[in-house]
Amino acid sequence: MVTGIEPAWANKLIINAQAETVREKATFKQAFAKQRCIIPCSSWFEWQQQSETNKQKFQFSAIDDEPLFMAGIYYQAKQQSQSLVVTLTTTPTAQCEAYHRRMPLLLQAKNIEYWLFGDAEQVSLLLESTMADEFKIVPN
């Protein structure tokens, strides 16, 4: 698994897709319909600008230290042995907004099978939710 895609028209690697538009954008539409995945993790990181020359990294994890499940879409690489993964992002919770303007779309464990195998139209309901409102945030 490799993070990101690099379409011919793009001038940089695309590692995230906005959940709000993933169904409509040509780059993501087909993958959303047929190639959804889960990216399990224990945490994710965001950088916050502290001053003009200084950034601070923060680690976000579940309050109960349970695994997090990021929603993603994937593409088959030209070398068939690997997949290229794009993480879906959403509007941040009030707590996360203080650190970044987006956050990963996190799914509840009970919704994983539905996300992976459900009909794209029905799965669209999951694009508007996140698994928790509060996270453990630690400077790193």
C-alpha atoms as a PDB file:
ATOM      1  CA  MET A   1       0.000   0.000   0.000  1.00  0.00           C
ATOM      2  CA  VAL A   2       1.329   3.402  -1.017  1.00  0.00           C
ATOM      3  CA  THR A   3      -0.184   6.703   0.113  1.00  0.00           C
ATOM      4  CA  GLY A   4      -1.368   9.016  -2.640  1.00  0.00           C
ATOM      5  CA  ILE A   5      -2.018   9.181  -6.361  1.00  0.00           C
ATOM      6  CA  GLU A   6      -0.393  11.368  -8.972  1.00  0.00           C
ATOM      7  CA  PRO A   7      -2.770  11.946 -11.897  1.00  0.00           C
ATOM      8  CA  ALA A   8      -1.182  13.250 -15.111  1.00  0.00           C
ATOM      9  CA  TRP A   9      -2.881  16.645 -14.653  1.00  0.00           C
ATOM     10  CA  ALA A  10      -1.735  17.109 -11.040  1.00  0.00           C
ATOM     11  CA  ASN A  11       1.463  18.913 -10.132  1.00  0.00           C
ATOM     12  CA  LYS A  12       1.705  17.153  -6.776  1.00  0.00           C
ATOM     13  CA  LEU A  13       0.806  13.939  -5.008  1.00  0.00           C
ATOM     14  CA  ILE A  14      -2.851  13.732  -3.893  1.00  0.00           C
ATOM     15  CA  ILE A  15      -3.055  12.061  -0.485  1.00  0.00           C
ATOM     16  CA  ASN A  16      -6.505  13.281   0.647  1.00  0.00           C
ATOM     17  CA  ALA A  17      -9.965  13.664  -0.867  1.00  0.00           C
ATOM     18  CA  GLN A  18     -12.756  15.729   0.637  1.00  0.00           C
ATOM     19  CA  ALA A  19     -15.613  13.479   1.744  1.00  0.00           C
ATOM     20  CA  GLU A  20     -18.098  16.168   0.703  1.00  0.00           C
ATOM     21  CA  THR A  21     -17.099  15.944  -2.984  1.00  0.00           C
ATOM     22  CA  VAL A  22     -15.646  12.442  -3.417  1.00  0.00           C
ATOM     23  CA  ARG A  23     -18.854  11.198  -5.108  1.00  0.00           C
ATOM     24  CA  GLU A  24     -18.780  13.893  -7.804  1.00  0.00           C
ATOM     25  CA  LYS A  25     -15.131  14.602  -8.652  1.00  0.00           C
ATOM     26  CA  ALA A  26     -13.960  12.663 -11.698  1.00  0.00           C
ATOM     27  CA  THR A  27     -10.658  11.758 -10.029  1.00  0.00           C
ATOM     28  CA  PHE A  28     -12.393   9.971  -7.141  1.00  0.00           C
ATOM     29  CA  LYS A  29     -15.903   9.031  -8.327  1.00  0.00           C
ATOM     30  CA  GLN A  30     -15.163   5.536  -9.647  1.00  0.00           C
ATOM     31  CA  ALA A  31     -12.913   4.584  -6.730  1.00  0.00           C
ATOM     32  CA  PHE A  32     -15.589   5.736  -4.275  1.00  0.00           C
ATOM     33  CA  ALA A  33     -18.190   3.604  -6.040  1.00  0.00           C
ATOM     34  CA  LYS A  34     -16.145   0.400  -6.159  1.00  0.00           C
ATOM     35  CA  GLN A  35     -12.841   0.651  -4.301  1.00  0.00           C
ATOM     36  CA  ARG A  36     -13.374   1.797  -0.736  1.00  0.00           C
ATOM     37  CA  CYS A  37     -10.952   0.782   1.990  1.00  0.00           C
ATOM     38  CA  ILE A  38     -10.193   1.241   5.676  1.00  0.00           C
ATOM     39  CA  ILE A  39      -6.897   2.589   6.962  1.00  0.00           C
ATOM     40  CA  PRO A  40      -6.573   1.344  10.556  1.00  0.00           C
ATOM     41  CA  CYS A  41      -4.299   3.395  12.785  1.00  0.00           C
ATOM     42  CA  SER A  42      -3.623   4.219  16.404  1.00  0.00           C
ATOM     43  CA  SER A  43      -3.375   7.968  15.739  1.00  0.00           C
ATOM     44  CA  TRP A  44      -2.794  10.680  13.174  1.00  0.00           C
ATOM     45  CA  PHE A  45      -0.667  13.816  13.225  1.00  0.00           C
ATOM     46  CA  GLU A  46      -1.274  17.467  12.398  1.00  0.00           C
ATOM     47  CA  TRP A  47       1.161  20.364  12.290  1.00  0.00           C
ATOM     48  CA  GLN A  48       0.125  23.676  13.829  1.00  0.00           C
ATOM     49  CA  GLN A  49       1.860  26.948  12.962  1.00  0.00           C
ATOM     50  CA  GLN A  50       3.220  28.354  16.236  1.00  0.00           C
ATOM     51  CA  SER A  51       5.068  31.336  14.784  1.00  0.00           C
ATOM     52  CA  GLU A  52       6.362  32.471  11.426  1.00  0.00           C
ATOM     53  CA  THR A  53       9.278  30.054  11.652  1.00  0.00           C
ATOM     54  CA  ASN A  54       8.045  27.362  14.033  1.00  0.00           C
ATOM     55  CA  LYS A  55       5.519  24.523  13.662  1.00  0.00           C
ATOM     56  CA  GLN A  56       4.432  22.102  16.383  1.00  0.00           C
ATOM     57  CA  LYS A  57       3.365  18.520  15.622  1.00  0.00           C
ATOM     58  CA  PHE A  58       0.350  17.127  17.514  1.00  0.00           C
ATOM     59  CA  GLN A  59      -0.733  13.507  17.803  1.00  0.00           C
ATOM     60  CA  PHE A  60      -4.481  12.748  17.790  1.00  0.00           C
ATOM     61  CA  SER A  61      -5.769   9.440  19.164  1.00  0.00           C
ATOM     62  CA  ALA A  62      -8.943   7.971  20.637  1.00  0.00           C
ATOM     63  CA  ILE A  63      -9.502   8.886  24.275  1.00  0.00           C
ATOM     64  CA  ASP A  64      -9.803   5.170  25.133  1.00  0.00           C
ATOM     65  CA  ASP A  65      -6.739   4.280  22.989  1.00  0.00           C
ATOM     66  CA  GLU A  66      -8.889   2.058  20.769  1.00  0.00           C
ATOM     67  CA  PRO A  67      -7.906   1.807  17.084  1.00  0.00           C
ATOM     68  CA  LEU A  68      -9.112   4.450  14.649  1.00  0.00           C
ATOM     69  CA  PHE A  69     -10.503   3.557  11.223  1.00  0.00           C
ATOM     70  CA  MET A  70      -9.933   6.140   8.507  1.00  0.00           C
ATOM     71  CA  ALA A  71     -12.154   5.947   5.439  1.00  0.00           C
ATOM     72  CA  GLY A  72     -10.229   5.686   2.205  1.00  0.00           C
ATOM     73  CA  ILE A  73     -10.403   4.851  -1.470  1.00  0.00           C
ATOM     74  CA  TYR A  74      -7.795   2.945  -3.438  1.00  0.00           C
ATOM     75  CA  TYR A  75      -6.443   2.577  -6.944  1.00  0.00           C
ATOM     76  CA  GLN A  76      -4.498  -0.305  -8.436  1.00  0.00           C
ATOM     77  CA  ALA A  77      -0.951   0.769  -9.265  1.00  0.00           C
ATOM     78  CA  LYS A  78       0.524   0.035 -12.676  1.00  0.00           C
ATOM     79  CA  GLN A  79       2.701  -2.478 -10.841  1.00  0.00           C
ATOM     80  CA  GLN A  80      -0.179  -4.760  -9.864  1.00  0.00           C
ATOM     81  CA  SER A  81       1.479  -5.736  -6.597  1.00  0.00           C
ATOM     82  CA  GLN A  82       0.505  -2.561  -4.759  1.00  0.00           C
ATOM     83  CA  SER A  83      -2.459  -0.276  -4.193  1.00  0.00           C
ATOM     84  CA  LEU A  84      -2.450   3.507  -4.005  1.00  0.00           C
ATOM     85  CA  VAL A  85      -4.540   4.866  -1.132  1.00  0.00           C
ATOM     86  CA  VAL A  86      -6.229   8.247  -0.662  1.00  0.00           C
ATOM     87  CA  THR A  87      -7.613   9.169   2.772  1.00  0.00           C
ATOM     88  CA  LEU A  88     -10.985  10.890   2.972  1.00  0.00           C
ATOM     89  CA  THR A  89     -11.152  14.051   5.057  1.00  0.00           C
ATOM     90  CA  THR A  90     -14.056  15.948   6.551  1.00  0.00           C
ATOM     91  CA  THR A  91     -14.892  19.122   8.422  1.00  0.00           C
ATOM     92  CA  PRO A  92     -13.118  18.943  11.785  1.00  0.00           C
ATOM     93  CA  THR A  93     -14.815  18.607  15.131  1.00  0.00           C
ATOM     94  CA  ALA A  94     -14.753  21.728  17.312  1.00  0.00           C
ATOM     95  CA  GLN A  95     -11.785  20.322  19.222  1.00  0.00           C
ATOM     96  CA  CYS A  96      -9.765  19.430  16.095  1.00  0.00           C
ATOM     97  CA  GLU A  97     -10.535  22.698  14.320  1.00  0.00           C
ATOM     98  CA  ALA A  98      -8.111  24.515  16.616  1.00  0.00           C
ATOM     99  CA  TYR A  99      -5.306  22.489  14.994  1.00  0.00           C
ATOM    100  CA  HIS A 100      -6.304  22.029  11.346  1.00  0.00           C
ATOM    101  CA  ARG A 101      -9.066  22.944   8.888  1.00  0.00           C
ATOM    102  CA  ARG A 102      -9.678  19.256   7.984  1.00  0.00           C
ATOM    103  CA  MET A 103      -9.515  15.894   9.746  1.00  0.00           C
ATOM    104  CA  PRO A 104      -9.679  12.265   8.605  1.00  0.00           C
ATOM    105  CA  LEU A 105     -13.135  10.805   8.110  1.00  0.00           C
ATOM    106  CA  LEU A 106     -13.182   8.258  10.940  1.00  0.00           C
ATOM    107  CA  LEU A 107     -15.645   5.377  10.904  1.00  0.00           C
ATOM    108  CA  GLN A 108     -17.081   3.473  13.828  1.00  0.00           C
ATOM    109  CA  ALA A 109     -15.997  -0.178  13.935  1.00  0.00           C
ATOM    110  CA  LYS A 110     -19.625  -1.265  13.468  1.00  0.00           C
ATOM    111  CA  ASN A 111     -19.705   0.531  10.078  1.00  0.00           C
ATOM    112  CA  ILE A 112     -16.557  -0.991   8.560  1.00  0.00           C
ATOM    113  CA  GLU A 113     -18.246  -3.860   6.715  1.00  0.00           C
ATOM    114  CA  TYR A 114     -20.960  -1.515   5.459  1.00  0.00           C
ATOM    115  CA  TRP A 115     -18.304   0.953   4.203  1.00  0.00           C
ATOM    116  CA  LEU A 116     -16.382  -1.773   2.397  1.00  0.00           C
ATOM    117  CA  PHE A 117     -19.258  -3.687   0.830  1.00  0.00           C
ATOM    118  CA  GLY A 118     -22.326  -1.428   0.874  1.00  0.00           C
ATOM    119  CA  ASP A 119     -23.890   0.234  -2.136  1.00  0.00           C
ATOM    120  CA  ALA A 120     -22.193   3.567  -2.911  1.00  0.00           C
ATOM    121  CA  GLU A 121     -25.455   5.534  -2.623  1.00  0.00           C
ATOM    122  CA  GLN A 122     -26.247   4.113   0.813  1.00  0.00           C
ATOM    123  CA  VAL A 123     -22.650   4.387   2.018  1.00  0.00           C
ATOM    124  CA  SER A 124     -22.809   8.118   1.235  1.00  0.00           C
ATOM    125  CA  LEU A 125     -24.570   8.602   4.582  1.00  0.00           C
ATOM    126  CA  LEU A 126     -21.294   7.711   6.329  1.00  0.00           C
ATOM    127  CA  LEU A 127     -19.557  10.645   4.637  1.00  0.00           C
ATOM    128  CA  GLU A 128     -21.324  13.014   7.021  1.00  0.00           C
ATOM    129  CA  SER A 129     -20.307  11.459  10.317  1.00  0.00           C
ATOM    130  CA  THR A 130     -17.228  10.831  12.377  1.00  0.00           C
ATOM    131  CA  MET A 131     -16.670   8.227  15.082  1.00  0.00           C
ATOM    132  CA  ALA A 132     -16.021  10.663  17.947  1.00  0.00           C
ATOM    133  CA  ASP A 133     -16.189  14.312  18.928  1.00  0.00           C
ATOM    134  CA  GLU A 134     -13.301  14.238  21.393  1.00  0.00           C
ATOM    135  CA  PHE A 135      -9.751  13.001  20.983  1.00  0.00           C
ATOM    136  CA  LYS A 136      -6.614  12.748  23.065  1.00  0.00           C
ATOM    137  CA  ILE A 137      -4.234  15.395  21.654  1.00  0.00           C
ATOM    138  CA  VAL A 138      -0.574  15.353  22.638  1.00  0.00           C
ATOM    139  CA  PRO A 139       2.294  17.580  21.450  1.00  0.00           C
ATOM    140  CA  ASN A 140       4.836  15.373  19.765  1.00  0.00           C
END
